Amino acid sequence: MAGAKLDDIDRKILAELQADGRMTNVELARRVGISAPPCLRRVRTLEELGYIRGYHADINARELGFEVQVFAMVRLASQSERDLTAFEALVQGWPLVRECHMLNGEIDFILKCVSPDLSTFQRFLTNSLTAAPNVASVKTSLVIRGAKDEPTIPFEVVEERVREAG
């Protein structure tokens, strides 16, 4: 399994853990068709190689009072690597920002933000985001409802590509 080439069992392990990261190693081994000790070794190797970045619970933000979700499109005044990196570092300290992606085109970054209410988001927007160094403009879009939220990798596409390549 050394290197970037994953075999069928590695991909099955990743798919199973993605579907249910709480299952025991014994159950995972049963599902992928190997015994528990080599299964655990494979999981540890997948973690070490960075294929598995962590294990998380899928928390319902609305149930915890985060009623507002906003996408903020940020344009910076300067796109030098130093300024891009400085903005990314700044974003790390903003709890309301849950995702940050650098884009190409007219917008430099898109931020996915959550907030308990609009006034809290407005304070963040005014006091932090638009006031941040190098921020030239911010456009926001309030999420009315989500139609799809799939934080997983489509393993059916991965398997199809492997079949086509092999």
Protein backbone atom coordinates (compact mmCIF):
# COMPACT_ATOMS: atom_id res chain seq x y z
CA MET A 1 0.00 0.00 0.00
CA ALA A 2 3.04 2.28 0.02
CA GLY A 3 2.58 5.35 -2.14
CA ALA A 4 -0.59 6.72 -3.64
CA LYS A 5 -1.91 3.39 -5.06
CA LEU A 6 -4.77 1.96 -3.01
CA ASP A 7 -6.01 -1.57 -3.50
CA ASP A 8 -9.63 -2.79 -3.40
CA ILE A 9 -9.52 -3.46 0.35
CA ASP A 10 -8.10 -0.02 1.15
CA ARG A 11 -10.90 1.61 -0.86
CA LYS A 12 -13.49 -0.60 0.86
CA ILE A 13 -12.08 0.39 4.26
CA LEU A 14 -12.31 4.08 3.35
CA ALA A 15 -15.86 3.71 2.02
CA GLU A 16 -17.03 1.80 5.10
CA LEU A 17 -15.44 4.23 7.56
CA GLN A 18 -16.89 7.16 5.64
CA ALA A 19 -20.37 5.63 5.99
CA ASP A 20 -19.90 4.75 9.67
CA GLY A 21 -16.77 5.94 11.45
CA ARG A 22 -17.97 4.53 14.78
CA MET A 23 -17.91 0.84 13.88
CA THR A 24 -15.43 -1.38 15.66
CA ASN A 25 -12.35 -2.65 13.90
CA VAL A 26 -13.80 -6.18 14.12
CA GLU A 27 -16.96 -5.06 12.30
CA LEU A 28 -14.93 -3.14 9.72
CA ALA A 29 -12.74 -6.19 9.09
CA ARG A 30 -15.85 -8.36 8.64
CA ARG A 31 -17.35 -5.90 6.14
CA VAL A 32 -14.20 -5.69 4.01
CA GLY A 33 -13.45 -9.42 4.20
CA ILE A 34 -10.18 -9.56 6.15
CA SER A 35 -9.24 -10.37 9.74
CA ALA A 36 -9.05 -7.69 12.42
CA PRO A 37 -5.24 -7.31 12.91
CA PRO A 38 -4.41 -6.56 9.24
CA CYS A 39 -7.49 -4.36 9.04
CA LEU A 40 -6.24 -2.25 11.95
CA ARG A 41 -2.78 -2.03 10.37
CA ARG A 42 -4.34 -0.83 7.12
CA VAL A 43 -6.46 1.79 8.91
CA ARG A 44 -3.41 3.09 10.79
CA THR A 45 -1.45 3.29 7.51
CA LEU A 46 -4.33 5.11 5.80
CA GLU A 47 -4.31 7.58 8.70
CA GLU A 48 -0.53 8.05 8.54
CA LEU A 49 -0.62 8.62 4.78
CA GLY A 50 -3.31 11.28 5.20
CA TYR A 51 -6.17 9.44 3.48
CA ILE A 52 -8.07 9.52 6.79
CA ARG A 53 -7.83 12.97 8.34
CA GLY A 54 -10.07 12.36 11.35
CA TYR A 55 -13.34 11.04 12.69
CA HIS A 56 -16.26 13.37 13.29
CA ALA A 57 -19.88 13.29 14.36
CA ASP A 58 -22.37 14.87 11.97
CA ILE A 59 -23.88 17.51 14.27
CA ASN A 60 -27.18 19.20 13.46
CA ALA A 61 -26.26 22.89 13.74
CA ARG A 62 -29.90 24.04 13.81
CA GLU A 63 -30.65 21.81 16.79
CA LEU A 64 -27.88 23.61 18.66
CA GLY A 65 -29.31 27.02 17.82
CA PHE A 66 -27.26 27.92 14.73
CA GLU A 67 -30.22 29.07 12.64
CA VAL A 68 -28.29 31.16 10.12
CA GLN A 69 -25.98 29.94 7.38
CA VAL A 70 -24.30 32.44 5.07
CA PHE A 71 -21.85 32.23 2.20
CA ALA A 72 -19.51 35.21 2.10
CA MET A 73 -17.64 35.96 -1.12
CA VAL A 74 -14.47 37.88 -0.30
CA ARG A 75 -12.34 39.89 -2.69
CA LEU A 76 -8.94 41.01 -1.48
CA ALA A 77 -7.11 44.17 -2.53
CA SER A 78 -3.88 42.21 -3.06
CA GLN A 79 -3.47 38.61 -4.13
CA SER A 80 0.20 38.26 -3.31
CA GLU A 81 1.00 34.92 -1.69
CA ARG A 82 1.87 36.70 1.54
CA ASP A 83 -1.53 38.44 1.62
CA LEU A 84 -3.45 35.29 0.69
CA THR A 85 -1.70 33.34 3.44
CA ALA A 86 -2.29 36.14 5.95
CA PHE A 87 -6.03 36.11 5.18
CA GLU A 88 -6.18 32.33 5.53
CA ALA A 89 -4.44 32.57 8.90
CA LEU A 90 -6.88 35.24 10.04
CA VAL A 91 -9.86 33.07 9.04
CA GLN A 92 -8.57 30.28 11.30
CA GLY A 93 -9.41 32.42 14.32
CA TRP A 94 -13.03 33.15 13.35
CA PRO A 95 -15.33 30.53 14.91
CA LEU A 96 -18.34 31.45 12.75
CA VAL A 97 -16.38 30.53 9.60
CA ARG A 98 -16.69 26.78 9.12
CA GLU A 99 -15.15 26.51 5.65
CA CYS A 100 -12.77 28.69 3.65
CA HIS A 101 -11.91 28.06 0.02
CA MET A 102 -9.64 30.08 -2.27
CA LEU A 103 -11.13 30.51 -5.73
CA ASN A 104 -9.91 31.74 -9.05
CA GLY A 105 -11.84 34.42 -10.85
CA GLU A 106 -13.43 37.58 -9.49
CA ILE A 107 -13.79 36.28 -5.94
CA ASP A 108 -10.69 35.32 -3.97
CA PHE A 109 -12.34 33.35 -1.15
CA ILE A 110 -15.71 31.88 -0.32
CA LEU A 111 -16.49 31.39 3.36
CA LYS A 112 -19.23 29.18 4.74
CA CYS A 113 -20.42 30.74 7.97
CA VAL A 114 -22.89 29.71 10.64
CA SER A 115 -24.45 31.92 13.28
CA PRO A 116 -27.13 31.66 15.94
CA ASP A 117 -28.92 34.70 14.48
CA LEU A 118 -28.59 37.51 11.95
CA SER A 119 -27.45 40.11 14.45
CA THR A 120 -24.52 37.93 15.53
CA PHE A 121 -23.53 37.41 11.91
CA GLN A 122 -23.89 41.13 11.20
CA ARG A 123 -21.51 41.94 14.08
CA PHE A 124 -18.99 39.45 12.72
CA LEU A 125 -19.37 40.88 9.21
CA THR A 126 -18.91 44.47 10.35
CA ASN A 127 -16.35 44.09 13.12
CA SER A 128 -14.20 41.27 11.75
CA LEU A 129 -14.63 40.33 8.12
CA THR A 130 -15.05 43.66 6.34
CA ALA A 131 -12.65 45.31 8.80
CA ALA A 132 -9.89 42.77 8.13
CA PRO A 133 -6.67 43.95 6.49
CA ASN A 134 -6.59 43.65 2.69
CA VAL A 135 -10.33 42.91 2.35
CA ALA A 136 -11.59 44.98 -0.58
CA SER A 137 -15.18 43.76 -0.68
CA VAL A 138 -17.53 41.16 0.76
CA LYS A 139 -20.77 39.93 -0.77
CA THR A 140 -22.99 37.67 1.30
CA SER A 141 -25.78 35.27 0.47
CA LEU A 142 -28.08 33.95 3.17
CA VAL A 143 -28.92 30.26 2.79
CA ILE A 144 -32.69 29.79 2.61
CA ARG A 145 -32.52 26.00 2.63
CA GLY A 146 -30.06 23.29 1.72
CA ALA A 147 -30.92 20.75 -0.95
CA LYS A 148 -27.80 18.62 -0.54
CA ASP A 149 -25.00 18.43 2.00
CA GLU A 150 -22.75 15.47 1.25
CA PRO A 151 -19.41 15.79 3.05
CA THR A 152 -18.30 12.41 1.73
CA ILE A 153 -16.29 11.21 -1.28
CA PRO A 154 -18.34 9.46 -4.03
CA PHE A 155 -16.68 6.06 -3.91
CA GLU A 156 -18.79 4.80 -6.81
CA VAL A 157 -16.88 7.27 -9.02
CA VAL A 158 -13.54 6.14 -7.57
CA GLU A 159 -14.37 2.49 -8.27
CA GLU A 160 -15.48 3.32 -11.83
CA ARG A 161 -12.19 5.10 -12.53
CA VAL A 162 -10.23 2.12 -11.15
CA ARG A 163 -12.17 -0.26 -13.43
CA GLU A 164 -11.55 1.96 -16.45
CA ALA A 165 -7.83 2.27 -15.70
CA GLY A 166 -7.36 -1.43 -15.04
